[in-house]
C-alpha atoms as a PDB file:
ATOM      1  CA  MET A   1     -84.477 -22.420  88.582  1.00  0.00           C
ATOM      2  CA  THR A   2     -84.054 -21.184  85.088  1.00  0.00           C
ATOM      3  CA  ARG A   3     -85.477 -18.078  83.485  1.00  0.00           C
ATOM      4  CA  GLY A   4     -86.526 -20.035  80.335  1.00  0.00           C
ATOM      5  CA  CYS A   5     -89.954 -21.268  79.391  1.00  0.00           C
ATOM      6  CA  GLY A   6     -90.753 -23.999  81.726  1.00  0.00           C
ATOM      7  CA  PRO A   7     -88.235 -26.378  83.293  1.00  0.00           C
ATOM      8  CA  ALA A   8     -85.238 -27.419  81.329  1.00  0.00           C
ATOM      9  CA  VAL A   9     -85.316 -30.763  83.068  1.00  0.00           C
ATOM     10  CA  PRO A  10     -88.537 -32.720  82.730  1.00  0.00           C
ATOM     11  CA  PRO A  11     -89.806 -33.516  86.324  1.00  0.00           C
ATOM     12  CA  GLY A  12     -88.626 -36.758  87.763  1.00  0.00           C
ATOM     13  CA  THR A  13     -85.744 -37.329  85.517  1.00  0.00           C
ATOM     14  CA  ARG A  14     -82.159 -37.616  86.797  1.00  0.00           C
ATOM     15  CA  PRO A  15     -79.641 -34.968  85.573  1.00  0.00           C
ATOM     16  CA  VAL A  16     -76.886 -36.356  83.211  1.00  0.00           C
ATOM     17  CA  ARG A  17     -73.773 -34.556  84.007  1.00  0.00           C
ATOM     18  CA  ARG A  18     -71.642 -35.458  81.120  1.00  0.00           C
ATOM     19  CA  GLU A  19     -71.269 -34.726  77.371  1.00  0.00           C
ATOM     20  CA  ARG A  20     -73.497 -36.920  75.282  1.00  0.00           C
ATOM     21  CA  ARG A  21     -71.164 -38.644  72.664  1.00  0.00           C
ATOM     22  CA  ASP A  22     -73.958 -41.262  72.380  1.00  0.00           C
ATOM     23  CA  CYS A  23     -76.469 -38.751  71.143  1.00  0.00           C
ATOM     24  CA  PRO A  24     -76.333 -38.812  67.388  1.00  0.00           C
ATOM     25  CA  ALA A  25     -78.651 -36.575  65.453  1.00  0.00           C
ATOM     26  CA  GLY A  26     -79.689 -39.325  62.982  1.00  0.00           C
ATOM     27  CA  PRO A  27     -81.720 -41.495  65.500  1.00  0.00           C
ATOM     28  CA  VAL A  28     -83.575 -38.393  66.759  1.00  0.00           C
ATOM     29  CA  HIS A  29     -84.429 -37.576  63.267  1.00  0.00           C
ATOM     30  CA  ARG A  30     -85.705 -41.018  62.713  1.00  0.00           C
ATOM     31  CA  GLY A  31     -88.163 -40.631  65.576  1.00  0.00           C
ATOM     32  CA  ARG A  32     -90.058 -38.120  63.391  1.00  0.00           C
ATOM     33  CA  SER A  33     -93.542 -38.730  62.100  1.00  0.00           C
ATOM     34  CA  ARG A  34     -96.628 -36.932  61.185  1.00  0.00           C
ATOM     35  CA  ARG A  35     -97.958 -37.673  64.537  1.00  0.00           C
ATOM     36  CA  ARG A  36     -95.008 -35.911  66.087  1.00  0.00           C
ATOM     37  CA  ARG A  37     -95.045 -33.078  63.473  1.00  0.00           C
ATOM     38  CA  ARG A  38     -94.118 -30.393  65.825  1.00  0.00           C
ATOM     39  CA  LEU A  39     -90.721 -32.072  66.666  1.00  0.00           C
ATOM     40  CA  GLN A  40     -89.899 -32.396  62.926  1.00  0.00           C
ATOM     41  CA  ASP A  41     -88.243 -29.147  62.851  1.00  0.00           C
ATOM     42  CA  PHE A  42     -87.772 -28.310  66.494  1.00  0.00           C
ATOM     43  CA  VAL A  43     -85.288 -31.003  67.283  1.00  0.00           C
ATOM     44  CA  PRO A  44     -83.118 -30.185  64.229  1.00  0.00           C
ATOM     45  CA  LEU A  45     -83.038 -26.487  65.137  1.00  0.00           C
ATOM     46  CA  LEU A  46     -81.645 -27.519  68.423  1.00  0.00           C
ATOM     47  CA  PHE A  47     -78.930 -29.557  66.826  1.00  0.00           C
ATOM     48  CA  TYR A  48     -77.927 -26.805  64.275  1.00  0.00           C
ATOM     49  CA  THR A  49     -77.964 -24.035  66.787  1.00  0.00           C
ATOM     50  CA  ALA A  50     -77.297 -25.524  70.188  1.00  0.00           C
ATOM     51  CA  VAL A  51     -79.901 -23.129  71.657  1.00  0.00           C
ATOM     52  CA  ARG A  52     -81.895 -24.205  74.912  1.00  0.00           C
ATOM     53  CA  SER A  53     -85.052 -26.047  74.427  1.00  0.00           C
ATOM     54  CA  GLU A  54     -87.058 -23.237  76.102  1.00  0.00           C
ATOM     55  CA  GLU A  55     -85.421 -20.562  73.753  1.00  0.00           C
ATOM     56  CA  ALA A  56     -86.373 -22.453  70.699  1.00  0.00           C
ATOM     57  CA  ARG A  57     -89.938 -23.097  71.821  1.00  0.00           C
ATOM     58  CA  ALA A  58     -90.406 -19.437  72.393  1.00  0.00           C
ATOM     59  CA  ALA A  59     -88.827 -18.221  69.359  1.00  0.00           C
ATOM     60  CA  ARG A  60     -90.669 -15.470  67.333  1.00  0.00           C
ATOM     61  CA  TRP A  61     -90.404 -14.418  63.825  1.00  0.00           C
ATOM     62  CA  VAL A  62     -89.992 -10.784  64.780  1.00  0.00           C
ATOM     63  CA  ASP A  63     -86.477 -11.759  66.348  1.00  0.00           C
ATOM     64  CA  VAL A  64     -85.458 -13.803  63.166  1.00  0.00           C
ATOM     65  CA  ASP A  65     -83.794 -11.897  60.376  1.00  0.00           C
ATOM     66  CA  THR A  66     -83.945 -14.285  57.484  1.00  0.00           C
ATOM     67  CA  GLU A  67     -82.097 -11.957  55.035  1.00  0.00           C
ATOM     68  CA  ARG A  68     -79.051 -11.811  57.403  1.00  0.00           C
ATOM     69  CA  ALA A  69     -79.501 -15.439  58.600  1.00  0.00           C
ATOM     70  CA  PHE A  70     -79.498 -14.275  62.106  1.00  0.00           C
ATOM     71  CA  TRP A  71     -81.700 -14.808  65.273  1.00  0.00           C
ATOM     72  CA  THR A  72     -81.554 -12.597  68.500  1.00  0.00           C
ATOM     73  CA  ILE A  73     -82.999 -14.380  71.375  1.00  0.00           C
ATOM     74  CA  PRO A  74     -84.483 -11.651  73.756  1.00  0.00           C
ATOM     75  CA  ALA A  75     -82.943 -11.209  77.322  1.00  0.00           C
ATOM     76  CA  ALA A  76     -86.548 -12.109  78.702  1.00  0.00           C
ATOM     77  CA  VAL A  77     -86.218 -15.641  77.440  1.00  0.00           C
ATOM     78  CA  THR A  78     -82.481 -16.366  78.039  1.00  0.00           C
ATOM     79  CA  LYS A  79     -81.076 -18.105  81.101  1.00  0.00           C
ATOM     80  CA  ALA A  80     -78.261 -15.454  81.410  1.00  0.00           C
ATOM     81  CA  GLY A  81     -80.780 -12.559  81.164  1.00  0.00           C
ATOM     82  CA  ASP A  82     -78.954 -11.064  78.153  1.00  0.00           C
ATOM     83  CA  PRO A  83     -79.828 -10.974  74.585  1.00  0.00           C
ATOM     84  CA  HIS A  84     -78.250 -13.982  72.694  1.00  0.00           C
ATOM     85  CA  PRO A  85     -77.113 -13.533  69.124  1.00  0.00           C
ATOM     86  CA  VAL A  86     -77.444 -16.828  66.995  1.00  0.00           C
ATOM     87  CA  PRO A  87     -76.056 -16.889  63.501  1.00  0.00           C
ATOM     88  CA  LEU A  88     -78.129 -19.302  61.487  1.00  0.00           C
ATOM     89  CA  SER A  89     -76.040 -21.693  59.381  1.00  0.00           C
ATOM     90  CA  PRO A  90     -77.421 -23.158  56.075  1.00  0.00           C
ATOM     91  CA  GLY A  91     -78.709 -26.117  57.964  1.00  0.00           C
ATOM     92  CA  ALA A  92     -80.587 -23.940  60.408  1.00  0.00           C
ATOM     93  CA  MET A  93     -81.930 -21.713  57.502  1.00  0.00           C
ATOM     94  CA  ARG A  94     -83.401 -24.825  55.979  1.00  0.00           C
ATOM     95  CA  VAL A  95     -85.234 -25.582  59.170  1.00  0.00           C
ATOM     96  CA  VAL A  96     -86.478 -21.943  59.490  1.00  0.00           C
ATOM     97  CA  ALA A  97     -87.763 -22.034  55.868  1.00  0.00           C
ATOM     98  CA  ARG A  98     -89.775 -25.206  56.518  1.00  0.00           C
ATOM     99  CA  THR A  99     -91.047 -23.926  59.713  1.00  0.00           C
ATOM    100  CA  GLN A 100     -92.168 -20.659  58.079  1.00  0.00           C
ATOM    101  CA  GLY A 101     -94.066 -22.604  55.553  1.00  0.00           C
ATOM    102  CA  ILE A 102     -95.945 -24.480  58.269  1.00  0.00           C
ATOM    103  CA  SER A 103     -96.498 -21.753  60.889  1.00  0.00           C
ATOM    104  CA  GLY A 104     -97.790 -19.181  58.373  1.00  0.00           C
ATOM    105  CA  THR A 105     -98.572 -15.748  59.882  1.00  0.00           C
ATOM    106  CA  THR A 106     -98.254 -16.764  63.686  1.00  0.00           C
ATOM    107  CA  ALA A 107     -96.055 -14.906  65.885  1.00  0.00           C
ATOM    108  CA  PHE A 108     -94.020 -18.016  66.897  1.00  0.00           C
ATOM    109  CA  LEU A 109     -91.912 -20.482  64.910  1.00  0.00           C
ATOM    110  CA  PHE A 110     -93.503 -23.275  66.934  1.00  0.00           C
ATOM    111  CA  PRO A 111     -97.134 -22.061  67.724  1.00  0.00           C
ATOM    112  CA  ALA A 112     -99.374 -24.157  69.888  1.00  0.00           C
ATOM    113  CA  PRO A 113    -102.584 -23.412  71.815  1.00  0.00           C
ATOM    114  CA  THR A 114    -100.856 -23.042  75.265  1.00  0.00           C
ATOM    115  CA  ALA A 115    -101.378 -20.785  78.222  1.00  0.00           C
ATOM    116  CA  VAL A 116     -99.181 -17.925  79.393  1.00  0.00           C
ATOM    117  CA  CYS A 117     -95.545 -19.117  79.817  1.00  0.00           C
ATOM    118  CA  ARG A 118     -93.870 -18.573  83.174  1.00  0.00           C
ATOM    119  CA  GLY A 119     -90.621 -17.777  81.560  1.00  0.00           C
ATOM    120  CA  CYS A 120     -91.307 -15.366  78.667  1.00  0.00           C
ATOM    121  CA  GLY A 121     -94.893 -14.239  79.779  1.00  0.00           C
ATOM    122  CA  ARG A 122     -96.501 -15.061  76.362  1.00  0.00           C
ATOM    123  CA  ALA A 123     -98.949 -17.550  75.449  1.00  0.00           C
ATOM    124  CA  GLY A 124     -99.292 -19.498  72.083  1.00  0.00           C
ATOM    125  CA  HIS A 125     -95.987 -21.391  71.673  1.00  0.00           C
ATOM    126  CA  MET A 126     -94.980 -24.926  72.086  1.00  0.00           C
ATOM    127  CA  ASP A 127     -94.839 -26.392  75.612  1.00  0.00           C
ATOM    128  CA  VAL A 128     -92.350 -28.598  77.074  1.00  0.00           C
ATOM    129  CA  PRO A 129     -92.500 -31.771  74.848  1.00  0.00           C
ATOM    130  CA  ASN A 130     -92.079 -34.330  77.663  1.00  0.00           C
ATOM    131  CA  LYS A 131     -94.259 -37.013  76.067  1.00  0.00           C
ATOM    132  CA  ALA A 132     -92.703 -36.592  72.638  1.00  0.00           C
ATOM    133  CA  THR A 133     -89.079 -36.952  74.317  1.00  0.00           C
ATOM    134  CA  THR A 134     -90.231 -40.081  76.050  1.00  0.00           C
ATOM    135  CA  ARG A 135     -91.219 -41.592  72.602  1.00  0.00           C
ATOM    136  CA  LEU A 136     -87.885 -40.628  71.226  1.00  0.00           C
ATOM    137  CA  ARG A 137     -86.150 -42.596  73.913  1.00  0.00           C
ATOM    138  CA  ARG A 138     -87.945 -45.702  72.473  1.00  0.00           C
ATOM    139  CA  VAL A 139     -86.356 -45.160  69.000  1.00  0.00           C
ATOM    140  CA  GLU A 140     -83.282 -47.464  68.249  1.00  0.00           C
ATOM    141  CA  GLY A 141     -80.163 -45.674  68.778  1.00  0.00           C
ATOM    142  CA  VAL A 142     -81.511 -43.114  71.145  1.00  0.00           C
ATOM    143  CA  PRO A 143     -80.148 -43.472  74.764  1.00  0.00           C
ATOM    144  CA  ARG A 144     -82.845 -44.359  77.392  1.00  0.00           C
ATOM    145  CA  ASP A 145     -81.815 -41.432  79.446  1.00  0.00           C
ATOM    146  CA  PHE A 146     -81.767 -38.987  76.635  1.00  0.00           C
ATOM    147  CA  ARG A 147     -83.204 -35.511  77.291  1.00  0.00           C
ATOM    148  CA  LEU A 148     -83.219 -32.470  74.940  1.00  0.00           C
ATOM    149  CA  HIS A 149     -80.593 -30.655  77.003  1.00  0.00           C
ATOM    150  CA  ASP A 150     -78.137 -33.459  75.913  1.00  0.00           C
ATOM    151  CA  VAL A 151     -78.328 -31.855  72.368  1.00  0.00           C
ATOM    152  CA  ARG A 152     -76.314 -28.923  73.636  1.00  0.00           C
ATOM    153  CA  ARG A 153     -73.674 -31.044  75.265  1.00  0.00           C
ATOM    154  CA  THR A 154     -73.369 -33.153  72.014  1.00  0.00           C
ATOM    155  CA  VAL A 155     -73.018 -29.985  69.919  1.00  0.00           C
ATOM    156  CA  ALA A 156     -70.460 -28.552  72.340  1.00  0.00           C
ATOM    157  CA  THR A 157     -68.376 -31.643  72.295  1.00  0.00           C
ATOM    158  CA  ARG A 158     -68.378 -31.914  68.602  1.00  0.00           C
ATOM    159  CA  LEU A 159     -67.445 -28.279  68.145  1.00  0.00           C
ATOM    160  CA  ALA A 160     -64.473 -28.975  70.412  1.00  0.00           C
ATOM    161  CA  GLU A 161     -63.486 -32.007  68.492  1.00  0.00           C
ATOM    162  CA  MET A 162     -63.562 -29.892  65.274  1.00  0.00           C
ATOM    163  CA  GLY A 163     -60.981 -27.481  66.847  1.00  0.00           C
ATOM    164  CA  THR A 164     -63.336 -24.663  67.951  1.00  0.00           C
ATOM    165  CA  HIS A 165     -61.885 -22.445  70.807  1.00  0.00           C
ATOM    166  CA  VAL A 166     -63.684 -22.781  74.233  1.00  0.00           C
ATOM    167  CA  PRO A 167     -64.746 -19.060  74.368  1.00  0.00           C
ATOM    168  CA  ILE A 168     -66.398 -19.390  71.098  1.00  0.00           C
ATOM    169  CA  ILE A 169     -68.184 -22.548  72.167  1.00  0.00           C
ATOM    170  CA  GLU A 170     -69.322 -20.742  75.261  1.00  0.00           C
ATOM    171  CA  ALA A 171     -70.509 -17.825  73.249  1.00  0.00           C
ATOM    172  CA  ILE A 172     -72.511 -20.247  71.083  1.00  0.00           C
ATOM    173  CA  LEU A 173     -74.147 -21.828  74.230  1.00  0.00           C
ATOM    174  CA  GLY A 174     -75.011 -18.357  75.507  1.00  0.00           C
ATOM    175  CA  HIS A 175     -72.939 -18.778  78.549  1.00  0.00           C
ATOM    176  CA  ARG A 176     -71.910 -15.573  80.450  1.00  0.00           C
ATOM    177  CA  PRO A 177     -68.130 -14.976  80.579  1.00  0.00           C
ATOM    178  CA  PRO A 178     -66.536 -14.282  83.892  1.00  0.00           C
ATOM    179  CA  ARG A 179     -67.059 -10.802  85.306  1.00  0.00           C
ATOM    180  CA  LEU A 180     -63.454  -9.758  84.729  1.00  0.00           C
ATOM    181  CA  VAL A 181     -63.634 -10.937  81.051  1.00  0.00           C
ATOM    182  CA  ARG A 182     -66.996  -9.014  80.545  1.00  0.00           C
ATOM    183  CA  THR A 183     -65.343  -5.781  82.010  1.00  0.00           C
ATOM    184  CA  TYR A 184     -62.520  -5.689  79.598  1.00  0.00           C
ATOM    185  CA  GLN A 185     -63.822  -7.506  76.567  1.00  0.00           C
ATOM    186  CA  VAL A 186     -67.130  -6.472  75.195  1.00  0.00           C
ATOM    187  CA  HIS A 187     -66.692  -7.856  71.780  1.00  0.00           C
ATOM    188  CA  ALA A 188     -69.390 -10.486  70.808  1.00  0.00           C
ATOM    189  CA  PRO A 189     -67.504 -12.960  68.506  1.00  0.00           C
ATOM    190  CA  VAL A 190     -70.518 -13.246  66.100  1.00  0.00           C
ATOM    191  CA  GLY A 191     -68.144 -13.888  63.042  1.00  0.00           C
ATOM    192  CA  GLU A 192     -66.343 -16.634  64.865  1.00  0.00           C
ATOM    193  CA  MET A 193     -69.669 -18.106  66.051  1.00  0.00           C
ATOM    194  CA  ARG A 194     -70.957 -18.196  62.503  1.00  0.00           C
ATOM    195  CA  ALA A 195     -67.901 -19.820  61.078  1.00  0.00           C
ATOM    196  CA  ALA A 196     -68.059 -22.534  63.800  1.00  0.00           C
ATOM    197  CA  LEU A 197     -71.751 -23.136  63.332  1.00  0.00           C
ATOM    198  CA  GLU A 198     -71.449 -23.344  59.597  1.00  0.00           C
ATOM    199  CA  ARG A 199     -68.549 -25.961  59.869  1.00  0.00           C
ATOM    200  CA  TRP A 200     -70.890 -27.869  62.380  1.00  0.00           C
ATOM    201  CA  SER A 201     -73.806 -27.547  59.864  1.00  0.00           C
ATOM    202  CA  VAL A 202     -71.642 -29.338  57.192  1.00  0.00           C
ATOM    203  CA  GLU A 203     -70.543 -32.016  59.633  1.00  0.00           C
ATOM    204  CA  LEU A 204     -74.135 -32.599  60.916  1.00  0.00           C
ATOM    205  CA  ASP A 205     -75.468 -32.926  57.415  1.00  0.00           C
ATOM    206  CA  ARG A 206     -72.707 -35.401  56.684  1.00  0.00           C
ATOM    207  CA  ILE A 207     -73.701 -37.536  59.758  1.00  0.00           C
ATOM    208  CA  ILE A 208     -77.410 -37.427  58.801  1.00  0.00           C
ATOM    209  CA  THR A 209     -76.773 -38.351  55.112  1.00  0.00           C
ATOM    210  CA  GLY A 210     -74.404 -41.271  56.261  1.00  0.00           C
ATOM    211  CA  LEU A 211     -77.162 -42.595  58.580  1.00  0.00           C
ATOM    212  CA  ARG A 212     -79.811 -42.363  55.788  1.00  0.00           C
ATOM    213  CA  LEU A 213     -77.413 -44.244  53.343  1.00  0.00           C
ATOM    214  CA  VAL A 214     -77.005 -46.975  56.011  1.00  0.00           C
ATOM    215  CA  ARG A 215     -80.666 -47.330  56.314  1.00  0.00           C
ATOM    216  CA  ALA A 216     -81.121 -47.588  52.643  1.00  0.00           C
ATOM    217  CA  VAL A 217     -78.819 -50.595  52.414  1.00  0.00           C
ATOM    218  CA  PRO A 218     -80.831 -53.779  52.440  1.00  0.00           C
ATOM    219  CA  SER A 219     -80.247 -56.269  55.280  1.00  0.00           C
ATOM    220  CA  PRO A 220     -78.370 -59.414  54.111  1.00  0.00           C
END
């Protein structure tokens, strides 16, 4: 049982215990439409930040500092029960800016007429998008067993391939260090996290641009 907003794994789905190298951002982006507008910025935010789905759904504007490009996820929402710092890369900030234009003066980045959440105790933010995720699985290029948690595995794998040190990846994912490490090392590597996420933002933009160019080429 997680402390997040709702179950991280949709009921009835089989856990996938592997990193998702077959989970590209492009096909998920192609699954967007006006009908699925609430995922239009939600899924890209997961890709740019590697936060948990429940953390993004419960994101509040009061916790986002747009001037410093920084998001602090409250302890009440995180799985570890500790505040989680999230440096916002240029790609993430583009998503935040678009979301701000849509959500207006609401408290949440992704508002919705939902009941009180069991995780954060607040009402009014996006619910678990199980139906929308099911629709995404029908998009060409998206694995049939895809679930939103695979985004975190994908980002972690790509960061490792780009040479990011494991402790920085773990910090980005919001994983608690071992007790002994926490005892003697209290430094939060925010600068290193920002540098890694900014490199990933550039790479993710490159991937998405390449897929769009491929789509633009007419079939023979």
